[in-house]
Each structure stands twice: as structure tokens, then as C-alpha cells.
Amino acid sequence: MPKTIPLQRQLTLGQVRELAKDVKSRHGVVSALSAKVADTVKNAPVQVDAQHPHIKKLSSAAKREARAALIREQIDKIYHPARETAGLNLKELAKTKAMLEEHGGALGNARAALDIATLGSAETAKARTTYAESLKGLGSQAIRNLAGHALTEQNGVLLTAILAHEEGKKPSDRAINPSDLMQEMGPDVSVEEGGFPIFDNYREFSRLTRELDEALAIGQALVRGQNQHDPLSKISRGLANKGPVTAPRKPQHSALAEQGGGDDAGE
């Protein structure tokens, strides 16, 4: 989490974008580490066979044990540094997630994000107040015409004022259904495709949370595995004690699952 971002009651669009840069970078790190581990697991058996041809001369049992130990040792050299680095990145990603939950929750709601965007600065707040005053006393058709004009002109502040104006009425008295107006504004449409810039904070926040959750999932799979333990722990202990190596019955790391029965492969 960038230390330059002050903790405020609600994150600004600029802060969300700054956080997004950090999350994108960490996403790249954990993704690369996961791919590296998966590649190592996939290629370790072939590399061991090429580097240690003398193993073929051993008895079947000795060959199996020696080959398994060498394969695991090769994987271990890559996996544990990767696991440590991923863990450090996970700590920062977890801090960012906690920050988003505490100071950015409203940004994940398109309607709330509208208010944040149009009331967040003195200029837009003043414009919205002016529009709100001008709406008082207008008939239903006049409001519908004004909303159509605002949609054409991409005037999000006016549309938000109309939205709030209609929300304050009884459903039977409304000139426009607020939900329909929100749909017309299209908060999920990007600005490049004609969306309203006032939804930038909502769009950026949604994109950030998706990438953050994905980075956390990749990192957690690398660090903990499905059962939240180091899938190579038995291997590491076996190597450290120089005793017989016992492979986990079902490797939990997603990359290890690719190997399947790799210990016996190529015999």
C-alpha cells in the first residue's frame, strides 16, 4: 500500500488510481512467481533425468527415492523463495483491501459514487445545488425533457440533481423512475464508450477490487495451498534431516497438481 495515501473518510478518485497502480504491480509479481513455480514443477522431472543420467543405473527402489529427492530439491529451491516473496506482497495487498473496506466501500455502489463525485468538490456541489433549485415546481414533462437534454449533453451533475429530485418524491408522483435513469446513464460503460465521467470513481474502484481479489487469490494459492499449509513441508523436512523423503499424498499447490505422479514418471 503506498504510504503517500492519507487515510480519509472516503477515498478520492486520485487515491483509488494510486492504489490501483500498486495493486497492478503486486498482481504482476505474484502472477510471475506462480507461473515460475508451475513451470519448475512441470520441467523438474525432465531436467533431473537429463542432469543425472547415472540414476538409471540404480535399482528400481533406489532410483525412485533418489529421483524423487532430486526433483523435490529442485522445486524447493524455486518454491520457497517464491513463497516468501509472495507472502510479503500478500501482506501489503491485505492492507490495501482493509483500507478499501474502511474508506472506499461507498465507491462500490454506483448511486453512492454519484453523490461522492458531484458533492466532492465545491464547484460541482454548487452546480448541483443550483440545478436542484431550478427543478422545483417543474412539471413531469418538463423534467423528462430536461433529463433527455442532460443525457444528450452528458451533463452528469444535472442528471444527478434530477435523480435526487425524483427520489424524494412518492413513486406515484415521479416523472422518471430513478432506476431507469441510472440505467440510461450506464455506470458500467467506460468513458471512452460514452459513459459519464462522474462514474469514474465507481468504475475505477470496481476494477481495482477485481484485480486486488485476483492478486490475493493467486498469492494465497502460492503461499498456503488449498489446505493452508506448505505443500513442500514434508519434502523440506526430509531433505534437512537427510532421511527418506515421503511425498505428500495429494500435493495441494495448484502448480504441483500438474505433476500428478511425476515421481514415477520416466522410469
Protein backbone atom coordinates (compact mmCIF):
# COMPACT_ATOMS: atom_id res chain seq x y z
CA MET A 1 0.00 0.00 0.00
CA PRO A 2 1.53 3.34 -1.00
CA LYS A 3 2.38 5.27 2.14
CA THR A 4 1.62 8.56 0.38
CA ILE A 5 -2.15 7.99 0.61
CA PRO A 6 -3.64 9.61 3.71
CA LEU A 7 -6.46 7.78 5.43
CA GLN A 8 -9.59 9.81 4.86
CA ARG A 9 -13.24 9.07 5.42
CA GLN A 10 -13.70 8.39 1.72
CA LEU A 11 -11.03 7.71 -0.87
CA THR A 12 -10.77 10.17 -3.74
CA LEU A 13 -10.53 9.13 -7.37
CA GLY A 14 -6.85 10.07 -7.34
CA GLN A 15 -6.19 7.85 -4.34
CA VAL A 16 -8.06 4.95 -5.93
CA ARG A 17 -5.93 5.29 -9.06
CA GLU A 18 -2.74 5.41 -6.99
CA LEU A 19 -3.77 2.26 -5.16
CA ALA A 20 -4.60 0.63 -8.49
CA LYS A 21 -1.02 1.17 -9.69
CA ASP A 22 0.35 -0.54 -6.59
CA VAL A 23 -2.10 -3.44 -6.85
CA LYS A 24 -1.33 -3.90 -10.55
CA SER A 25 2.39 -4.10 -9.76
CA ARG A 26 1.89 -6.64 -6.97
CA HIS A 27 -0.52 -8.62 -9.15
CA GLY A 28 2.24 -8.88 -11.72
CA VAL A 29 4.73 -10.07 -9.09
CA VAL A 30 2.59 -12.86 -7.64
CA SER A 31 1.43 -13.95 -11.11
CA ALA A 32 5.02 -14.23 -12.32
CA LEU A 33 6.03 -16.17 -9.20
CA SER A 34 3.12 -18.58 -9.58
CA ALA A 35 3.98 -19.15 -13.24
CA LYS A 36 7.64 -19.73 -12.36
CA VAL A 37 6.75 -22.34 -9.74
CA ALA A 38 4.34 -24.07 -12.12
CA ASP A 39 6.99 -24.13 -14.85
CA THR A 40 9.58 -25.53 -12.44
CA VAL A 41 7.24 -28.28 -11.28
CA LYS A 42 6.43 -29.18 -14.87
CA ASN A 43 10.03 -29.32 -16.07
CA ALA A 44 11.83 -30.61 -12.95
CA PRO A 45 11.47 -34.34 -13.78
CA VAL A 46 12.86 -33.89 -17.29
CA GLN A 47 15.72 -31.70 -16.06
CA VAL A 48 16.66 -34.14 -13.29
CA ASP A 49 16.75 -37.03 -15.76
CA ALA A 50 18.98 -35.02 -18.10
CA GLN A 51 21.31 -33.78 -15.35
CA HIS A 52 21.63 -37.11 -13.51
CA PRO A 53 21.75 -39.94 -16.08
CA HIS A 54 23.61 -42.15 -13.59
CA ILE A 55 20.35 -42.61 -11.65
CA LYS A 56 19.21 -45.07 -14.30
CA LYS A 57 21.91 -47.49 -13.16
CA LEU A 58 20.44 -47.76 -9.66
CA SER A 59 17.96 -50.37 -8.53
CA SER A 60 14.29 -49.57 -9.03
CA ALA A 61 13.70 -48.60 -5.38
CA ALA A 62 16.91 -46.57 -5.10
CA LYS A 63 16.19 -44.87 -8.42
CA ARG A 64 12.70 -43.90 -7.29
CA GLU A 65 13.93 -42.44 -3.98
CA ALA A 66 16.91 -40.60 -5.49
CA ARG A 67 14.89 -39.19 -8.35
CA ALA A 68 12.08 -38.04 -6.05
CA ALA A 69 14.56 -36.32 -3.73
CA LEU A 70 16.31 -34.52 -6.60
CA ILE A 71 13.03 -33.40 -8.15
CA ARG A 72 11.77 -32.05 -4.86
CA GLU A 73 15.07 -30.37 -4.09
CA GLN A 74 14.97 -28.58 -7.44
CA ILE A 75 11.38 -27.47 -6.87
CA ASP A 76 12.17 -26.43 -3.30
CA LYS A 77 14.90 -24.04 -4.46
CA ILE A 78 12.35 -22.12 -6.50
CA TYR A 79 9.23 -22.59 -4.40
CA HIS A 80 10.37 -21.33 -1.02
CA PRO A 81 11.91 -18.02 -2.20
CA ALA A 82 8.78 -17.51 -4.32
CA ARG A 83 6.58 -18.30 -1.34
CA GLU A 84 8.44 -15.81 0.84
CA THR A 85 8.20 -13.02 -1.74
CA ALA A 86 4.53 -13.75 -2.37
CA GLY A 87 3.91 -13.60 1.37
CA LEU A 88 5.40 -10.12 1.62
CA ASN A 89 3.20 -8.94 -1.25
CA LEU A 90 0.15 -10.55 0.33
CA LYS A 91 0.67 -8.53 3.50
CA GLU A 92 0.57 -5.28 1.52
CA LEU A 93 -2.39 -6.42 -0.57
CA ALA A 94 -4.26 -7.31 2.62
CA LYS A 95 -3.59 -3.81 3.99
CA THR A 96 -4.97 -2.32 0.79
CA LYS A 97 -8.09 -4.49 0.99
CA ALA A 98 -8.69 -3.41 4.59
CA MET A 99 -8.26 0.22 3.56
CA LEU A 100 -10.75 -0.15 0.71
CA GLU A 101 -13.29 -1.76 3.01
CA GLU A 102 -12.95 1.00 5.59
CA HIS A 103 -12.57 4.06 3.39
CA GLY A 104 -13.95 3.12 -0.02
CA GLY A 105 -16.99 0.94 0.50
CA ALA A 106 -19.42 3.52 -0.87
CA LEU A 107 -17.46 3.71 -4.13
CA GLY A 108 -18.58 0.18 -4.93
CA ASN A 109 -22.18 1.41 -5.10
CA ALA A 110 -22.93 3.31 -8.30
CA ARG A 111 -25.57 5.54 -6.70
CA ALA A 112 -23.37 6.46 -3.73
CA ALA A 113 -20.45 7.04 -6.08
CA LEU A 114 -22.60 9.59 -7.93
CA ASP A 115 -23.04 11.65 -4.77
CA ILE A 116 -19.34 11.40 -3.97
CA ALA A 117 -18.47 12.65 -7.45
CA THR A 118 -20.98 15.51 -7.55
CA LEU A 119 -20.62 16.68 -3.96
CA GLY A 120 -16.91 16.05 -3.57
CA SER A 121 -15.81 19.49 -4.74
CA ALA A 122 -17.18 22.95 -4.08
CA GLU A 123 -17.65 23.61 -7.79
CA THR A 124 -19.74 20.53 -8.59
CA ALA A 125 -21.64 20.78 -5.30
CA LYS A 126 -22.61 24.37 -6.12
CA ALA A 127 -23.73 23.39 -9.63
CA ARG A 128 -25.81 20.52 -8.28
CA THR A 129 -27.46 22.81 -5.71
CA THR A 130 -28.28 25.34 -8.42
CA TYR A 131 -29.81 22.62 -10.60
CA ALA A 132 -31.81 21.28 -7.64
CA GLU A 133 -33.33 24.71 -7.04
CA SER A 134 -34.27 25.08 -10.70
CA LEU A 135 -36.13 21.76 -10.67
CA LYS A 136 -38.58 22.86 -8.00
CA GLY A 137 -42.02 23.48 -9.45
CA LEU A 138 -41.33 21.90 -12.84
CA GLY A 139 -43.95 19.57 -14.28
CA SER A 140 -43.33 15.93 -15.16
CA GLN A 141 -42.95 16.55 -18.89
CA ALA A 142 -40.52 19.40 -18.32
CA ILE A 143 -38.38 17.17 -16.09
CA ARG A 144 -38.41 14.38 -18.67
CA ASN A 145 -37.38 16.82 -21.38
CA LEU A 146 -34.61 18.20 -19.19
CA ALA A 147 -33.36 14.67 -18.42
CA GLY A 148 -33.28 13.84 -22.12
CA HIS A 149 -31.29 17.00 -22.81
CA ALA A 150 -28.88 16.20 -19.97
CA LEU A 151 -28.34 12.68 -21.34
CA THR A 152 -27.59 14.07 -24.79
CA GLU A 153 -25.20 16.67 -23.40
CA GLN A 154 -23.59 14.19 -20.99
CA ASN A 155 -24.34 16.53 -18.09
CA GLY A 156 -23.90 14.17 -15.17
CA VAL A 157 -24.26 16.81 -12.47
CA LEU A 158 -27.69 17.85 -13.78
CA LEU A 159 -28.75 14.22 -14.11
CA THR A 160 -27.70 13.53 -10.53
CA ALA A 161 -29.74 16.52 -9.39
CA ILE A 162 -32.74 15.19 -11.32
CA LEU A 163 -32.16 11.74 -9.86
CA ALA A 164 -32.12 13.07 -6.29
CA HIS A 165 -35.16 15.24 -7.04
CA GLU A 166 -37.20 12.26 -8.24
CA GLU A 167 -36.00 10.00 -5.42
CA GLY A 168 -37.51 12.47 -2.96
CA LYS A 169 -40.99 12.00 -4.40
CA LYS A 170 -43.57 9.31 -3.86
CA PRO A 171 -43.31 6.65 -6.61
CA SER A 172 -46.72 7.66 -7.95
CA ASP A 173 -45.63 11.30 -8.30
CA ARG A 174 -42.34 10.68 -10.11
CA ALA A 175 -41.78 11.95 -13.64
CA ILE A 176 -38.95 9.44 -14.13
CA ASN A 177 -38.12 6.14 -12.48
CA PRO A 178 -34.73 6.69 -10.75
CA SER A 179 -33.60 3.15 -11.58
CA ASP A 180 -34.38 3.69 -15.26
CA LEU A 181 -32.46 6.95 -15.26
CA MET A 182 -29.45 5.26 -13.65
CA GLN A 183 -29.60 2.59 -16.33
CA GLU A 184 -29.72 5.24 -19.06
CA MET A 185 -26.61 6.83 -17.59
CA GLY A 186 -24.89 3.43 -17.69
CA PRO A 187 -22.37 3.42 -14.82
CA ASP A 188 -20.70 0.29 -16.21
CA VAL A 189 -20.00 1.88 -19.59
CA SER A 190 -16.49 3.25 -19.94
CA VAL A 191 -15.93 6.95 -20.59
CA GLU A 192 -14.37 6.12 -23.97
CA GLU A 193 -17.65 4.47 -25.00
CA GLY A 194 -19.76 7.46 -23.98
CA GLY A 195 -20.13 6.87 -20.27
CA PHE A 196 -20.34 9.70 -17.77
CA PRO A 197 -17.04 10.79 -16.18
CA ILE A 198 -18.83 11.20 -12.84
CA PHE A 199 -18.91 7.40 -12.68
CA ASP A 200 -15.12 7.23 -12.95
CA ASN A 201 -14.72 6.62 -9.23
CA TYR A 202 -17.19 3.73 -9.37
CA ARG A 203 -15.56 2.19 -12.44
CA GLU A 204 -12.02 2.61 -11.12
CA PHE A 205 -12.97 1.21 -7.72
CA SER A 206 -14.69 -1.80 -9.28
CA ARG A 207 -11.68 -2.51 -11.49
CA LEU A 208 -9.33 -2.12 -8.52
CA THR A 209 -11.27 -4.51 -6.29
CA ARG A 210 -11.44 -7.15 -9.03
CA GLU A 211 -7.69 -7.03 -9.63
CA LEU A 212 -6.98 -6.96 -5.90
CA ASP A 213 -9.11 -10.05 -5.24
CA GLU A 214 -7.44 -11.86 -8.12
CA ALA A 215 -3.95 -10.98 -6.85
CA LEU A 216 -4.89 -12.16 -3.36
CA ALA A 217 -6.21 -15.46 -4.72
CA ILE A 218 -3.04 -16.11 -6.74
CA GLY A 219 -0.78 -15.19 -3.85
CA GLN A 220 -2.71 -17.25 -1.31
CA ALA A 221 -2.65 -20.31 -3.57
CA LEU A 222 1.12 -19.95 -3.81
CA VAL A 223 1.70 -19.35 -0.11
CA ARG A 224 -0.84 -21.63 1.52
CA GLY A 225 -2.28 -24.07 -0.97
CA GLN A 226 -5.85 -25.33 -0.68
CA ASN A 227 -5.38 -26.64 2.85
CA GLN A 228 -3.46 -23.58 4.03
CA HIS A 229 -0.14 -25.31 4.59
CA ASP A 230 3.17 -25.50 2.79
CA PRO A 231 2.75 -28.39 0.33
CA LEU A 232 6.50 -28.94 0.34
CA SER A 233 6.92 -29.01 4.12
CA LYS A 234 7.41 -32.77 4.27
CA ILE A 235 9.87 -32.54 1.44
CA SER A 236 11.81 -29.77 3.16
CA ARG A 237 12.00 -31.67 6.44
CA GLY A 238 13.08 -34.82 4.66
CA LEU A 239 15.88 -33.02 2.86
CA ALA A 240 17.00 -31.22 6.01
CA ASN A 241 17.13 -34.44 8.03
CA LYS A 242 18.72 -36.35 5.16
CA GLY A 243 16.23 -39.12 5.76
CA PRO A 244 13.88 -40.84 3.34
CA VAL A 245 11.68 -38.40 1.51
CA THR A 246 7.93 -39.00 1.77
CA ALA A 247 5.89 -37.15 -0.81
CA PRO A 248 2.56 -35.61 0.18
CA ARG A 249 -0.19 -38.00 -0.92
CA LYS A 250 -2.03 -35.21 -2.72
CA PRO A 251 0.03 -32.08 -3.38
CA GLN A 252 -2.14 -29.08 -2.54
CA HIS A 253 -0.43 -26.39 -4.58
CA SER A 254 -2.22 -25.88 -7.86
CA ALA A 255 1.05 -25.98 -9.76
CA LEU A 256 2.08 -29.25 -8.10
CA ALA A 257 -1.18 -30.82 -9.15
CA GLU A 258 0.05 -30.59 -12.74
CA GLN A 259 2.81 -33.03 -11.97
CA GLY A 260 0.48 -35.77 -10.82
CA GLY A 261 2.52 -38.94 -10.50
CA GLY A 262 5.71 -37.24 -11.61
CA ASP A 263 7.85 -39.16 -9.12
CA ASP A 264 7.42 -42.34 -11.06
CA ALA A 265 7.30 -40.77 -14.49
CA GLY A 266 10.02 -41.63 -16.92
CA GLU A 267 11.16 -44.78 -15.15
